[in-house]
Amino acid sequence: MIGETLHPAWDEQLIMNIARGDRDALAEVYLRHKGAVYAFALSILRQAQAAEDVMQETFLQLWNAAGSYVPRGQSALPWLLGITKNTALKHLRSAQRSGIPMEELPETPGADPFLAVENRIITNAVLKKLSSEERQIVVLHAVAGMKHREIADFLEKPLSTILNKYRRALKKLEGYLGEQV
């Protein structure tokens, strides 16, 4: 399942192994979290190729930054998604400096190799109908598998705000999906 999290101690052990140069540990983290990283990048960038580039860069940065990770007895996914967010925002700034608005790049294709079919349907609907913050909350919860409290901590927002925005986003999606049936 996309966003499947490891036991916190195992997740952190993998990061520490990556810091020691263990390529197998990097491959394990990649296999477990590539979908969540890609979907989160896509929720920010709204363009498949850019999200794929950010996903690849995120795992390269993980390889280089694993030694700076401070274990906290919890999943390392929020830390990894923090790298993803910073990389995606850097990508957006770079696109803006080049004068090519992200909106003018091709839309997300229907077939996306990094997302399961159900997650692709959710992600495409989310990208079309929700605000940036709503997209991030829904993707972090539905695709990355993060709990609402983890999302609140990650986005530095009150839990009540996250819950309200999540409920509003679901209502928007229900309305949208109802229109499509």
N, C-alpha and C. Protein backbone atom coordinates (compact mmCIF):
# COMPACT_ATOMS: atom_id res chain seq x y z
N MET A 1 0.84 -1.19 0.00
CA MET A 1 0.00 0.00 0.00
C MET A 1 0.88 1.25 0.00
N ILE A 2 0.50 2.21 -0.78
CA ILE A 2 1.24 3.47 -0.80
C ILE A 2 1.14 4.12 0.55
N GLY A 3 2.27 4.64 1.03
CA GLY A 3 2.25 5.33 2.30
C GLY A 3 2.34 4.40 3.49
N GLU A 4 2.53 3.07 3.21
CA GLU A 4 2.65 2.14 4.32
C GLU A 4 3.86 2.56 5.15
N THR A 5 3.65 2.71 6.42
CA THR A 5 4.75 3.15 7.26
C THR A 5 5.35 1.96 7.99
N LEU A 6 6.60 2.06 8.23
CA LEU A 6 7.33 1.05 8.97
C LEU A 6 7.17 1.33 10.46
N HIS A 7 7.48 0.34 11.24
CA HIS A 7 7.57 0.61 12.68
C HIS A 7 8.59 1.72 12.85
N PRO A 8 8.30 2.71 13.72
CA PRO A 8 9.18 3.88 13.83
C PRO A 8 10.65 3.54 14.02
N ALA A 9 10.94 2.56 14.87
CA ALA A 9 12.35 2.22 15.12
C ALA A 9 12.99 1.65 13.85
N TRP A 10 12.24 0.86 13.08
CA TRP A 10 12.77 0.28 11.84
C TRP A 10 12.97 1.37 10.80
N ASP A 11 12.01 2.28 10.69
CA ASP A 11 12.11 3.39 9.76
C ASP A 11 13.37 4.20 10.06
N GLU A 12 13.55 4.51 11.32
CA GLU A 12 14.73 5.29 11.70
C GLU A 12 16.02 4.50 11.50
N GLN A 13 15.97 3.20 11.73
CA GLN A 13 17.15 2.36 11.52
C GLN A 13 17.55 2.38 10.04
N LEU A 14 16.55 2.36 9.17
CA LEU A 14 16.85 2.44 7.73
C LEU A 14 17.56 3.76 7.39
N ILE A 15 17.09 4.85 7.97
CA ILE A 15 17.72 6.16 7.71
C ILE A 15 19.17 6.14 8.22
N MET A 16 19.37 5.58 9.40
CA MET A 16 20.75 5.50 9.93
C MET A 16 21.62 4.61 9.05
N ASN A 17 21.05 3.54 8.52
CA ASN A 17 21.80 2.67 7.60
C ASN A 17 22.14 3.41 6.31
N ILE A 18 21.21 4.22 5.83
CA ILE A 18 21.47 5.03 4.64
C ILE A 18 22.64 5.99 4.91
N ALA A 19 22.67 6.56 6.11
CA ALA A 19 23.75 7.48 6.48
C ALA A 19 25.11 6.77 6.44
N ARG A 20 25.10 5.46 6.66
CA ARG A 20 26.34 4.67 6.60
C ARG A 20 26.64 4.15 5.20
N GLY A 21 25.82 4.57 4.22
CA GLY A 21 26.08 4.18 2.84
C GLY A 21 25.39 2.91 2.39
N ASP A 22 24.37 2.46 3.11
CA ASP A 22 23.66 1.22 2.78
C ASP A 22 22.64 1.48 1.66
N ARG A 23 22.99 1.05 0.45
CA ARG A 23 22.11 1.25 -0.70
C ARG A 23 20.83 0.42 -0.60
N ASP A 24 20.91 -0.74 0.04
CA ASP A 24 19.72 -1.57 0.20
C ASP A 24 18.69 -0.87 1.09
N ALA A 25 19.17 -0.16 2.10
CA ALA A 25 18.26 0.59 2.98
C ALA A 25 17.58 1.71 2.19
N LEU A 26 18.34 2.37 1.32
CA LEU A 26 17.75 3.41 0.47
C LEU A 26 16.70 2.79 -0.46
N ALA A 27 17.00 1.64 -1.03
CA ALA A 27 16.04 0.97 -1.90
C ALA A 27 14.76 0.61 -1.13
N GLU A 28 14.89 0.16 0.11
CA GLU A 28 13.73 -0.19 0.94
C GLU A 28 12.88 1.05 1.22
N VAL A 29 13.51 2.15 1.59
CA VAL A 29 12.77 3.39 1.85
C VAL A 29 12.10 3.86 0.57
N TYR A 30 12.81 3.76 -0.54
CA TYR A 30 12.25 4.16 -1.84
C TYR A 30 11.00 3.33 -2.16
N LEU A 31 11.11 2.03 -2.04
CA LEU A 31 9.97 1.16 -2.37
C LEU A 31 8.76 1.43 -1.48
N ARG A 32 9.00 1.70 -0.22
CA ARG A 32 7.89 1.92 0.72
C ARG A 32 7.27 3.31 0.60
N HIS A 33 8.05 4.31 0.23
CA HIS A 33 7.56 5.69 0.31
C HIS A 33 7.53 6.44 -1.02
N LYS A 34 7.91 5.81 -2.13
CA LYS A 34 7.94 6.54 -3.41
C LYS A 34 6.55 7.06 -3.79
N GLY A 35 5.52 6.29 -3.54
CA GLY A 35 4.17 6.74 -3.89
C GLY A 35 3.75 7.96 -3.09
N ALA A 36 4.04 7.95 -1.80
CA ALA A 36 3.68 9.08 -0.94
C ALA A 36 4.48 10.32 -1.34
N VAL A 37 5.76 10.15 -1.60
CA VAL A 37 6.61 11.28 -1.99
C VAL A 37 6.13 11.86 -3.32
N TYR A 38 5.86 10.97 -4.28
CA TYR A 38 5.41 11.42 -5.59
C TYR A 38 4.06 12.14 -5.49
N ALA A 39 3.11 11.55 -4.78
CA ALA A 39 1.78 12.16 -4.66
C ALA A 39 1.84 13.51 -3.96
N PHE A 40 2.69 13.62 -2.93
CA PHE A 40 2.81 14.90 -2.24
C PHE A 40 3.44 15.95 -3.17
N ALA A 41 4.46 15.57 -3.92
CA ALA A 41 5.07 16.50 -4.88
C ALA A 41 4.04 16.89 -5.94
N LEU A 42 3.25 15.93 -6.40
CA LEU A 42 2.22 16.21 -7.39
C LEU A 42 1.15 17.15 -6.84
N SER A 43 0.84 17.02 -5.54
CA SER A 43 -0.17 17.91 -4.95
C SER A 43 0.31 19.36 -4.90
N ILE A 44 1.60 19.55 -4.88
CA ILE A 44 2.18 20.89 -4.86
C ILE A 44 2.37 21.43 -6.28
N LEU A 45 2.92 20.58 -7.14
CA LEU A 45 3.32 21.03 -8.48
C LEU A 45 2.23 20.92 -9.54
N ARG A 46 1.33 19.97 -9.38
CA ARG A 46 0.23 19.74 -10.32
C ARG A 46 0.71 19.39 -11.72
N GLN A 47 1.88 18.81 -11.83
CA GLN A 47 2.42 18.44 -13.12
C GLN A 47 3.24 17.16 -12.92
N ALA A 48 2.87 16.10 -13.65
CA ALA A 48 3.44 14.77 -13.42
C ALA A 48 4.95 14.71 -13.60
N GLN A 49 5.46 15.26 -14.69
CA GLN A 49 6.90 15.16 -14.94
C GLN A 49 7.69 15.91 -13.87
N ALA A 50 7.21 17.07 -13.48
CA ALA A 50 7.89 17.83 -12.42
C ALA A 50 7.85 17.05 -11.11
N ALA A 51 6.71 16.42 -10.81
CA ALA A 51 6.61 15.64 -9.57
C ALA A 51 7.56 14.45 -9.60
N GLU A 52 7.69 13.83 -10.76
CA GLU A 52 8.62 12.70 -10.89
C GLU A 52 10.05 13.18 -10.67
N ASP A 53 10.40 14.33 -11.25
CA ASP A 53 11.74 14.89 -11.04
C ASP A 53 11.98 15.19 -9.57
N VAL A 54 11.00 15.77 -8.91
CA VAL A 54 11.13 16.10 -7.49
C VAL A 54 11.26 14.83 -6.66
N MET A 55 10.51 13.79 -7.03
CA MET A 55 10.61 12.53 -6.30
C MET A 55 12.03 11.98 -6.38
N GLN A 56 12.58 11.96 -7.58
CA GLN A 56 13.94 11.45 -7.75
C GLN A 56 14.94 12.30 -6.96
N GLU A 57 14.79 13.61 -7.04
CA GLU A 57 15.70 14.50 -6.32
C GLU A 57 15.57 14.33 -4.81
N THR A 58 14.35 14.08 -4.35
CA THR A 58 14.12 13.87 -2.91
C THR A 58 14.93 12.68 -2.41
N PHE A 59 14.92 11.58 -3.16
CA PHE A 59 15.66 10.40 -2.71
C PHE A 59 17.17 10.59 -2.84
N LEU A 60 17.60 11.40 -3.80
CA LEU A 60 19.02 11.75 -3.86
C LEU A 60 19.40 12.59 -2.64
N GLN A 61 18.53 13.54 -2.28
CA GLN A 61 18.80 14.36 -1.10
C GLN A 61 18.77 13.51 0.18
N LEU A 62 17.85 12.53 0.23
CA LEU A 62 17.82 11.63 1.37
C LEU A 62 19.16 10.93 1.52
N TRP A 63 19.69 10.45 0.43
CA TRP A 63 21.00 9.77 0.46
C TRP A 63 22.08 10.70 1.03
N ASN A 64 22.05 11.96 0.61
CA ASN A 64 23.08 12.91 1.06
C ASN A 64 22.83 13.46 2.46
N ALA A 65 21.57 13.53 2.89
CA ALA A 65 21.23 14.18 4.16
C ALA A 65 20.93 13.20 5.29
N ALA A 66 20.97 11.91 5.03
CA ALA A 66 20.59 10.93 6.05
C ALA A 66 21.40 11.09 7.34
N GLY A 67 22.64 11.52 7.22
CA GLY A 67 23.48 11.71 8.40
C GLY A 67 23.01 12.83 9.30
N SER A 68 22.19 13.74 8.79
CA SER A 68 21.69 14.85 9.60
C SER A 68 20.36 14.52 10.27
N TYR A 69 19.79 13.35 9.96
CA TYR A 69 18.51 12.97 10.55
C TYR A 69 18.68 12.71 12.05
N VAL A 70 17.77 13.30 12.85
CA VAL A 70 17.80 13.11 14.30
C VAL A 70 16.64 12.19 14.67
N PRO A 71 16.93 10.95 15.12
CA PRO A 71 15.86 10.03 15.50
C PRO A 71 15.01 10.59 16.64
N ARG A 72 13.70 10.39 16.50
CA ARG A 72 12.76 10.88 17.51
C ARG A 72 11.79 9.80 17.96
N GLY A 73 12.02 8.56 17.57
CA GLY A 73 11.14 7.48 17.97
C GLY A 73 9.82 7.48 17.23
N GLN A 74 9.79 8.04 16.04
CA GLN A 74 8.57 8.09 15.24
C GLN A 74 8.94 7.84 13.78
N SER A 75 7.95 7.78 12.94
CA SER A 75 8.20 7.55 11.53
C SER A 75 9.05 8.67 10.94
N ALA A 76 9.92 8.31 10.04
CA ALA A 76 10.74 9.30 9.35
C ALA A 76 10.01 9.89 8.14
N LEU A 77 8.80 9.42 7.86
CA LEU A 77 8.07 9.91 6.69
C LEU A 77 7.85 11.43 6.70
N PRO A 78 7.46 12.03 7.83
CA PRO A 78 7.32 13.50 7.81
C PRO A 78 8.63 14.21 7.46
N TRP A 79 9.74 13.68 7.92
CA TRP A 79 11.05 14.26 7.58
C TRP A 79 11.28 14.14 6.08
N LEU A 80 10.99 12.97 5.52
CA LEU A 80 11.17 12.75 4.09
C LEU A 80 10.23 13.66 3.28
N LEU A 81 9.00 13.82 3.76
CA LEU A 81 8.06 14.70 3.06
C LEU A 81 8.46 16.17 3.20
N GLY A 82 9.16 16.51 4.27
CA GLY A 82 9.72 17.86 4.41
C GLY A 82 10.75 18.12 3.32
N ILE A 83 11.59 17.13 3.05
CA ILE A 83 12.56 17.24 1.96
C ILE A 83 11.81 17.41 0.63
N THR A 84 10.74 16.63 0.48
CA THR A 84 9.94 16.70 -0.74
C THR A 84 9.34 18.09 -0.92
N LYS A 85 8.77 18.62 0.14
CA LYS A 85 8.14 19.94 0.07
C LYS A 85 9.16 21.01 -0.31
N ASN A 86 10.31 21.00 0.35
CA ASN A 86 11.34 22.00 0.04
C ASN A 86 11.83 21.86 -1.39
N THR A 87 11.98 20.62 -1.86
CA THR A 87 12.44 20.39 -3.23
C THR A 87 11.39 20.85 -4.23
N ALA A 88 10.11 20.58 -3.95
CA ALA A 88 9.03 21.00 -4.85
C ALA A 88 8.95 22.53 -4.91
N LEU A 89 9.06 23.18 -3.75
CA LEU A 89 8.99 24.65 -3.73
C LEU A 89 10.19 25.25 -4.48
N LYS A 90 11.35 24.63 -4.33
CA LYS A 90 12.54 25.08 -5.07
C LYS A 90 12.30 24.92 -6.58
N HIS A 91 11.68 23.83 -6.94
CA HIS A 91 11.35 23.58 -8.35
C HIS A 91 10.38 24.64 -8.88
N LEU A 92 9.37 24.99 -8.07
CA LEU A 92 8.41 26.04 -8.46
C LEU A 92 9.12 27.38 -8.66
N ARG A 93 9.99 27.73 -7.71
CA ARG A 93 10.73 29.00 -7.83
C ARG A 93 11.60 29.01 -9.07
N SER A 94 12.22 27.89 -9.36
CA SER A 94 13.07 27.79 -10.55
C SER A 94 12.24 27.95 -11.82
N ALA A 95 11.06 27.35 -11.85
CA ALA A 95 10.18 27.48 -13.02
C ALA A 95 9.72 28.92 -13.17
N GLN A 96 9.44 29.58 -12.06
CA GLN A 96 9.01 30.98 -12.12
C GLN A 96 10.12 31.87 -12.65
N ARG A 97 11.36 31.61 -12.22
CA ARG A 97 12.50 32.40 -12.69
C ARG A 97 12.73 32.19 -14.18
N SER A 98 12.41 30.99 -14.67
CA SER A 98 12.61 30.72 -16.10
C SER A 98 11.52 31.34 -16.95
N GLY A 99 10.45 31.83 -16.29
CA GLY A 99 9.38 32.49 -17.01
C GLY A 99 8.31 31.56 -17.53
N ILE A 100 8.39 30.27 -17.20
CA ILE A 100 7.39 29.31 -17.66
C ILE A 100 6.49 28.96 -16.48
N PRO A 101 5.25 29.47 -16.48
CA PRO A 101 4.36 29.13 -15.38
C PRO A 101 4.05 27.64 -15.38
N MET A 102 3.99 27.03 -14.19
CA MET A 102 3.70 25.61 -14.07
C MET A 102 2.37 25.27 -14.74
N GLU A 103 1.41 26.20 -14.70
CA GLU A 103 0.10 25.93 -15.27
C GLU A 103 0.16 25.70 -16.78
N GLU A 104 1.22 26.22 -17.43
CA GLU A 104 1.32 26.07 -18.88
C GLU A 104 1.98 24.76 -19.28
N LEU A 105 2.53 24.04 -18.30
CA LEU A 105 3.11 22.74 -18.61
C LEU A 105 1.98 21.74 -18.79
N PRO A 106 2.23 20.62 -19.46
CA PRO A 106 1.17 19.65 -19.70
C PRO A 106 0.54 19.16 -18.40
N GLU A 107 -0.76 18.88 -18.45
CA GLU A 107 -1.50 18.38 -17.29
C GLU A 107 -1.02 16.99 -16.92
N THR A 108 -1.40 16.58 -15.74
CA THR A 108 -1.09 15.25 -15.25
C THR A 108 -1.71 14.21 -16.17
N PRO A 109 -0.91 13.25 -16.64
CA PRO A 109 -1.49 12.24 -17.51
C PRO A 109 -2.38 11.29 -16.72
N GLY A 110 -3.28 10.61 -17.42
CA GLY A 110 -4.19 9.69 -16.76
C GLY A 110 -3.49 8.46 -16.21
N ALA A 111 -2.49 7.95 -16.89
CA ALA A 111 -1.79 6.76 -16.42
C ALA A 111 -0.48 7.18 -15.78
N ASP A 112 -0.36 6.93 -14.52
CA ASP A 112 0.79 7.37 -13.77
C ASP A 112 1.44 6.18 -13.09
N PRO A 113 2.65 5.82 -13.45
CA PRO A 113 3.25 4.59 -12.94
C PRO A 113 3.56 4.60 -11.44
N PHE A 114 3.56 5.75 -10.80
CA PHE A 114 3.94 5.80 -9.39
C PHE A 114 2.77 5.70 -8.44
N LEU A 115 1.55 5.69 -8.95
CA LEU A 115 0.38 5.63 -8.09
C LEU A 115 -0.49 4.44 -8.46
N ALA A 116 -1.02 3.77 -7.43
CA ALA A 116 -1.99 2.71 -7.66
C ALA A 116 -3.24 3.34 -8.27
N VAL A 117 -4.06 2.52 -8.91
CA VAL A 117 -5.24 3.03 -9.62
C VAL A 117 -6.11 3.87 -8.70
N GLU A 118 -6.42 3.36 -7.49
CA GLU A 118 -7.30 4.11 -6.58
C GLU A 118 -6.66 5.44 -6.20
N ASN A 119 -5.39 5.43 -5.91
CA ASN A 119 -4.70 6.65 -5.53
C ASN A 119 -4.60 7.62 -6.69
N ARG A 120 -4.51 7.11 -7.91
CA ARG A 120 -4.47 7.97 -9.09
C ARG A 120 -5.80 8.69 -9.26
N ILE A 121 -6.91 7.98 -9.06
CA ILE A 121 -8.24 8.59 -9.17
C ILE A 121 -8.39 9.69 -8.13
N ILE A 122 -8.02 9.37 -6.89
CA ILE A 122 -8.11 10.35 -5.81
C ILE A 122 -7.24 11.56 -6.12
N THR A 123 -6.00 11.30 -6.51
CA THR A 123 -5.06 12.38 -6.75
C THR A 123 -5.53 13.28 -7.89
N ASN A 124 -6.01 12.70 -8.98
CA ASN A 124 -6.47 13.53 -10.10
C ASN A 124 -7.66 14.39 -9.70
N ALA A 125 -8.60 13.82 -8.95
CA ALA A 125 -9.76 14.60 -8.49
C ALA A 125 -9.31 15.72 -7.56
N VAL A 126 -8.39 15.38 -6.66
CA VAL A 126 -7.88 16.35 -5.69
C VAL A 126 -7.19 17.50 -6.40
N LEU A 127 -6.37 17.19 -7.39
CA LEU A 127 -5.64 18.23 -8.09
C LEU A 127 -6.56 19.21 -8.79
N LYS A 128 -7.69 18.72 -9.27
CA LYS A 128 -8.59 19.56 -10.04
C LYS A 128 -9.48 20.45 -9.18
N LYS A 129 -9.91 19.98 -8.04
CA LYS A 129 -11.00 20.64 -7.33
C LYS A 129 -10.64 21.29 -6.00
N LEU A 130 -9.46 21.04 -5.48
CA LEU A 130 -9.15 21.55 -4.14
C LEU A 130 -8.08 22.63 -4.17
N SER A 131 -8.09 23.43 -3.12
CA SER A 131 -7.04 24.44 -2.95
C SER A 131 -5.72 23.73 -2.66
N SER A 132 -4.63 24.45 -2.73
CA SER A 132 -3.31 23.88 -2.49
C SER A 132 -3.23 23.22 -1.12
N GLU A 133 -3.68 23.92 -0.09
CA GLU A 133 -3.60 23.36 1.27
C GLU A 133 -4.52 22.15 1.41
N GLU A 134 -5.71 22.21 0.84
CA GLU A 134 -6.62 21.07 0.90
C GLU A 134 -6.01 19.87 0.18
N ARG A 135 -5.39 20.11 -0.99
CA ARG A 135 -4.74 19.02 -1.73
C ARG A 135 -3.69 18.35 -0.87
N GLN A 136 -2.86 19.15 -0.22
CA GLN A 136 -1.80 18.58 0.59
C GLN A 136 -2.36 17.75 1.74
N ILE A 137 -3.38 18.25 2.41
CA ILE A 137 -3.97 17.53 3.55
C ILE A 137 -4.56 16.20 3.10
N VAL A 138 -5.32 16.22 2.01
CA VAL A 138 -5.94 14.99 1.53
C VAL A 138 -4.89 13.99 1.07
N VAL A 139 -3.90 14.44 0.32
CA VAL A 139 -2.86 13.54 -0.16
C VAL A 139 -2.05 12.97 1.01
N LEU A 140 -1.71 13.81 1.97
CA LEU A 140 -0.94 13.32 3.12
C LEU A 140 -1.73 12.26 3.89
N HIS A 141 -3.04 12.45 3.99
CA HIS A 141 -3.85 11.49 4.73
C HIS A 141 -4.20 10.26 3.88
N ALA A 142 -4.76 10.48 2.69
CA ALA A 142 -5.28 9.37 1.88
C ALA A 142 -4.19 8.58 1.16
N VAL A 143 -3.16 9.25 0.71
CA VAL A 143 -2.12 8.57 -0.07
C VAL A 143 -0.91 8.23 0.78
N ALA A 144 -0.43 9.18 1.59
CA ALA A 144 0.75 8.93 2.41
C ALA A 144 0.41 8.18 3.69
N GLY A 145 -0.87 8.17 4.07
CA GLY A 145 -1.28 7.41 5.25
C GLY A 145 -0.97 8.08 6.58
N MET A 146 -0.72 9.38 6.55
CA MET A 146 -0.42 10.08 7.80
C MET A 146 -1.71 10.34 8.58
N LYS A 147 -1.60 10.32 9.88
CA LYS A 147 -2.72 10.65 10.76
C LYS A 147 -2.90 12.18 10.77
N HIS A 148 -4.12 12.62 11.09
CA HIS A 148 -4.40 14.06 11.08
C HIS A 148 -3.47 14.83 12.01
N ARG A 149 -3.16 14.27 13.18
CA ARG A 149 -2.25 14.95 14.10
C ARG A 149 -0.86 15.09 13.49
N GLU A 150 -0.40 14.06 12.80
CA GLU A 150 0.90 14.13 12.13
C GLU A 150 0.90 15.21 11.04
N ILE A 151 -0.22 15.29 10.33
CA ILE A 151 -0.34 16.32 9.29
C ILE A 151 -0.31 17.71 9.92
N ALA A 152 -1.04 17.87 11.04
CA ALA A 152 -1.04 19.15 11.74
C ALA A 152 0.37 19.54 12.16
N ASP A 153 1.11 18.60 12.72
CA ASP A 153 2.49 18.87 13.12
C ASP A 153 3.35 19.21 11.91
N PHE A 154 3.19 18.42 10.84
CA PHE A 154 4.00 18.60 9.64
C PHE A 154 3.74 19.95 8.98
N LEU A 155 2.46 20.33 8.87
CA LEU A 155 2.12 21.60 8.22
C LEU A 155 2.11 22.78 9.20
N GLU A 156 2.39 22.49 10.47
CA GLU A 156 2.43 23.51 11.51
C GLU A 156 1.13 24.29 11.59
N LYS A 157 0.03 23.53 11.64
CA LYS A 157 -1.32 24.09 11.75
C LYS A 157 -2.02 23.41 12.92
N PRO A 158 -3.00 24.07 13.53
CA PRO A 158 -3.76 23.43 14.60
C PRO A 158 -4.51 22.20 14.07
N LEU A 159 -4.64 21.18 14.91
CA LEU A 159 -5.35 19.97 14.52
C LEU A 159 -6.77 20.29 14.05
N SER A 160 -7.44 21.21 14.75
CA SER A 160 -8.81 21.56 14.37
C SER A 160 -8.87 22.13 12.95
N THR A 161 -7.89 22.90 12.56
CA THR A 161 -7.83 23.45 11.21
C THR A 161 -7.68 22.33 10.18
N ILE A 162 -6.79 21.38 10.48
CA ILE A 162 -6.57 20.26 9.58
C ILE A 162 -7.85 19.44 9.42
N LEU A 163 -8.51 19.15 10.55
CA LEU A 163 -9.75 18.37 10.50
C LEU A 163 -10.84 19.09 9.71
N ASN A 164 -10.98 20.39 9.95
CA ASN A 164 -12.00 21.16 9.22
C ASN A 164 -11.71 21.21 7.72
N LYS A 165 -10.46 21.46 7.36
CA LYS A 165 -10.10 21.53 5.94
C LYS A 165 -10.25 20.16 5.28
N TYR A 166 -9.94 19.12 6.01
CA TYR A 166 -10.08 17.77 5.47
C TYR A 166 -11.56 17.46 5.20
N ARG A 167 -12.42 17.78 6.17
CA ARG A 167 -13.86 17.54 5.99
C ARG A 167 -14.42 18.36 4.82
N ARG A 168 -14.02 19.63 4.73
CA ARG A 168 -14.46 20.48 3.62
C ARG A 168 -13.99 19.91 2.28
N ALA A 169 -12.75 19.45 2.26
CA ALA A 169 -12.20 18.88 1.03
C ALA A 169 -12.98 17.64 0.62
N LEU A 170 -13.32 16.80 1.59
CA LEU A 170 -14.09 15.60 1.27
C LEU A 170 -15.47 15.96 0.73
N LYS A 171 -16.09 16.98 1.29
CA LYS A 171 -17.39 17.43 0.80
C LYS A 171 -17.27 17.92 -0.65
N LYS A 172 -16.21 18.68 -0.95
CA LYS A 172 -15.99 19.14 -2.32
C LYS A 172 -15.82 17.95 -3.26
N LEU A 173 -15.03 16.97 -2.82
CA LEU A 173 -14.79 15.81 -3.67
C LEU A 173 -16.06 14.99 -3.85
N GLU A 174 -16.85 14.85 -2.80
CA GLU A 174 -18.13 14.13 -2.92
C GLU A 174 -19.02 14.83 -3.94
N GLY A 175 -19.09 16.15 -3.87
CA GLY A 175 -19.88 16.90 -4.83
C GLY A 175 -19.37 16.72 -6.24
N TYR A 176 -18.04 16.77 -6.40
CA TYR A 176 -17.42 16.59 -7.70
C TYR A 176 -17.68 15.19 -8.25
N LEU A 177 -17.45 14.18 -7.42
CA LEU A 177 -17.65 12.80 -7.87
C LEU A 177 -19.13 12.53 -8.16
N GLY A 178 -20.02 13.16 -7.39
CA GLY A 178 -21.46 13.02 -7.64
C GLY A 178 -21.84 13.59 -8.99
N GLU A 179 -21.19 14.67 -9.38
CA GLU A 179 -21.45 15.28 -10.69
C GLU A 179 -20.96 14.39 -11.82
N GLN A 180 -19.91 13.61 -11.56
CA GLN A 180 -19.30 12.80 -12.60
C GLN A 180 -20.04 11.49 -12.84
N VAL A 181 -20.91 11.10 -11.92
CA VAL A 181 -21.60 9.81 -12.04
C VAL A 181 -22.79 9.89 -12.94
